[in-house]
């Protein structure tokens, strides 16, 4: 089976348009900024449009021409502070106009559906947030010791 590879500049405007039209869109994920919640090159996400966004939502947004999938860590009226689960310090700040959609489902290995807002997933997120001082080391272990991944995801 051939794999179609599109540049972000080509794909995401179409994804945004489909979301605006009320469709759900499934896209592959790249990168490590959402580790351990979403694994790039392995997981898919199902996006949906939403009228409002809140803390802990995983959102697709466009900021400065870059398309990013990260989690809302603070929602303050019309302003959001967003950071990837695997990002140690940096945050993005945006408005609802920048946000194009919300992750409805994570498809682990493209197959197993996971609700990222279930009680279990949010509990894992709270524990991950408590481990903030150790994240640098945990992420290093996760990225560099492949055999351990099967126990963590």
Protein backbone atom coordinates (compact mmCIF):
# COMPACT_ATOMS: atom_id res chain seq x y z
CA UNK A 1 0.00 0.00 0.00
CA UNK A 2 1.37 3.41 -0.98
CA UNK A 3 1.49 6.16 1.57
CA UNK A 4 0.39 9.65 0.55
CA UNK A 5 2.54 12.33 2.14
CA UNK A 6 1.28 15.91 2.18
CA UNK A 7 2.94 19.02 3.49
CA UNK A 8 1.27 20.67 6.49
CA UNK A 9 0.59 23.77 4.37
CA UNK A 10 -1.46 21.63 1.99
CA UNK A 11 -3.21 19.31 4.42
CA UNK A 12 -4.24 21.43 7.39
CA UNK A 13 -6.22 24.11 5.54
CA UNK A 14 -8.32 21.26 4.13
CA UNK A 15 -8.64 19.69 7.58
CA UNK A 16 -9.73 23.06 8.96
CA UNK A 17 -12.33 23.47 6.22
CA UNK A 18 -13.71 19.97 6.81
CA UNK A 19 -14.01 20.69 10.53
CA UNK A 20 -15.80 23.97 9.82
CA UNK A 21 -18.24 22.03 7.62
CA UNK A 22 -19.08 19.79 10.58
CA UNK A 23 -17.11 16.70 9.59
CA UNK A 24 -14.92 14.64 11.89
CA UNK A 25 -11.38 14.25 10.56
CA UNK A 26 -8.82 11.56 11.38
CA UNK A 27 -5.18 12.54 11.01
CA UNK A 28 -1.83 10.92 11.82
CA UNK A 29 0.34 12.51 14.47
CA UNK A 30 4.01 13.39 14.20
CA UNK A 31 6.47 14.54 16.81
CA UNK A 32 7.03 13.93 20.50
CA UNK A 33 5.42 16.97 22.11
CA UNK A 34 2.37 15.02 23.32
CA UNK A 35 4.25 12.09 24.84
CA UNK A 36 3.20 9.95 26.62
CA UNK A 37 -0.47 10.67 25.79
CA UNK A 38 -0.09 10.57 22.01
CA UNK A 39 2.83 8.88 20.27
CA UNK A 40 3.93 10.40 16.97
CA UNK A 41 4.27 8.13 13.93
CA UNK A 42 2.09 5.57 15.74
CA UNK A 43 -1.22 7.08 16.85
CA UNK A 44 -4.03 8.77 14.95
CA UNK A 45 -6.43 11.36 16.33
CA UNK A 46 -10.06 11.99 15.46
CA UNK A 47 -10.80 15.72 15.44
CA UNK A 48 -14.14 17.46 15.77
CA UNK A 49 -15.19 21.09 15.71
CA UNK A 50 -16.34 22.58 19.00
CA UNK A 51 -18.02 25.80 20.03
CA UNK A 52 -16.07 26.03 23.27
CA UNK A 53 -12.84 24.71 24.69
CA UNK A 54 -11.84 24.06 28.27
CA UNK A 55 -8.88 23.04 30.39
CA UNK A 56 -7.51 19.58 29.49
CA UNK A 57 -8.92 19.63 25.93
CA UNK A 58 -6.41 18.51 23.31
CA UNK A 59 -6.75 20.96 20.43
CA UNK A 60 -5.44 21.54 16.93
CA UNK A 61 -4.52 25.18 16.44
CA UNK A 62 -2.63 27.35 14.00
CA UNK A 63 -0.28 29.96 15.41
CA UNK A 64 2.28 31.85 13.36
CA UNK A 65 1.70 29.57 10.38
CA UNK A 66 2.49 26.44 12.44
CA UNK A 67 -0.13 23.74 13.03
CA UNK A 68 0.14 22.28 16.52
CA UNK A 69 -1.71 19.64 18.52
CA UNK A 70 -1.38 20.38 22.26
CA UNK A 71 -3.42 20.45 25.46
CA UNK A 72 -5.20 23.47 26.97
CA UNK A 73 -3.64 24.02 30.39
CA UNK A 74 -5.50 27.22 31.20
CA UNK A 75 -8.71 28.63 29.77
CA UNK A 76 -9.39 32.22 30.74
CA UNK A 77 -12.37 33.59 28.82
CA UNK A 78 -11.16 34.25 25.29
CA UNK A 79 -7.52 33.40 25.95
CA UNK A 80 -5.92 29.98 26.24
CA UNK A 81 -2.56 28.79 27.48
CA UNK A 82 -1.57 25.60 25.67
CA UNK A 83 1.31 23.15 26.11
CA UNK A 84 2.16 19.67 24.91
CA UNK A 85 2.18 16.90 27.51
CA UNK A 86 5.80 16.13 26.61
CA UNK A 87 6.93 19.76 26.62
CA UNK A 88 8.87 20.80 29.70
CA UNK A 89 8.58 24.59 29.77
CA UNK A 90 7.32 26.39 26.67
CA UNK A 91 3.66 27.37 26.31
CA UNK A 92 1.62 28.90 23.52
CA UNK A 93 -1.02 31.56 24.03
CA UNK A 94 -3.92 31.88 21.65
CA UNK A 95 -7.57 32.83 21.18
CA UNK A 96 -10.52 30.70 20.03
CA UNK A 97 -9.95 31.97 16.47
CA UNK A 98 -6.64 30.09 16.37
CA UNK A 99 -8.18 26.79 17.48
CA UNK A 100 -9.56 24.69 14.63
CA UNK A 101 -10.70 21.53 16.39
CA UNK A 102 -10.65 19.30 19.44
CA UNK A 103 -9.42 15.71 19.72
CA UNK A 104 -12.44 13.48 20.25
CA UNK A 105 -10.63 10.13 20.18
CA UNK A 106 -7.07 8.83 20.09
CA UNK A 107 -6.56 5.74 17.96
CA UNK A 108 -3.67 3.83 19.53
CA UNK A 109 -1.60 2.20 16.80
CA UNK A 110 -4.36 3.36 14.46
CA UNK A 111 -6.82 0.80 15.87
CA UNK A 112 -7.75 0.93 19.56
CA UNK A 113 -10.02 3.88 20.38
CA UNK A 114 -9.15 5.79 23.56
CA UNK A 115 -11.26 8.59 25.02
CA UNK A 116 -8.68 11.18 26.15
CA UNK A 117 -11.23 12.69 28.57
CA UNK A 118 -12.21 9.50 30.40
CA UNK A 119 -11.71 9.38 34.16
CA UNK A 120 -8.77 6.99 33.74
CA UNK A 121 -7.01 9.15 31.12
CA UNK A 122 -7.51 12.33 33.18
CA UNK A 123 -6.17 10.55 36.27
CA UNK A 124 -3.06 9.55 34.31
CA UNK A 125 -2.74 13.20 33.21
CA UNK A 126 -2.92 14.41 36.84
CA UNK A 127 -0.21 11.94 37.85
CA UNK A 128 1.92 13.03 34.86
CA UNK A 129 1.51 16.65 35.93
CA UNK A 130 2.59 15.81 39.49
CA UNK A 131 5.75 14.28 38.02
CA UNK A 132 6.73 17.56 36.36
CA UNK A 133 10.10 17.78 38.19
CA UNK A 134 10.98 14.30 36.89
CA UNK A 135 9.59 14.64 33.35
CA UNK A 136 12.94 15.36 31.73
CA UNK A 137 14.29 12.04 32.98
CA UNK A 138 11.11 10.05 32.33
CA UNK A 139 10.91 11.33 28.76
CA UNK A 140 14.59 10.51 28.20
CA UNK A 141 14.01 6.94 29.40
CA UNK A 142 10.88 6.64 27.25
CA UNK A 143 12.60 7.91 24.10
CA UNK A 144 15.88 6.05 24.47
CA UNK A 145 14.89 2.68 25.91
CA UNK A 146 12.47 1.24 23.33
CA UNK A 147 11.83 -1.97 25.25
CA UNK A 148 10.29 -0.02 28.14
CA UNK A 149 7.62 1.63 25.90
CA UNK A 150 5.41 -1.45 25.82
CA UNK A 151 5.00 -1.16 29.61
CA UNK A 152 4.21 2.56 29.56
CA UNK A 153 1.68 2.87 26.74
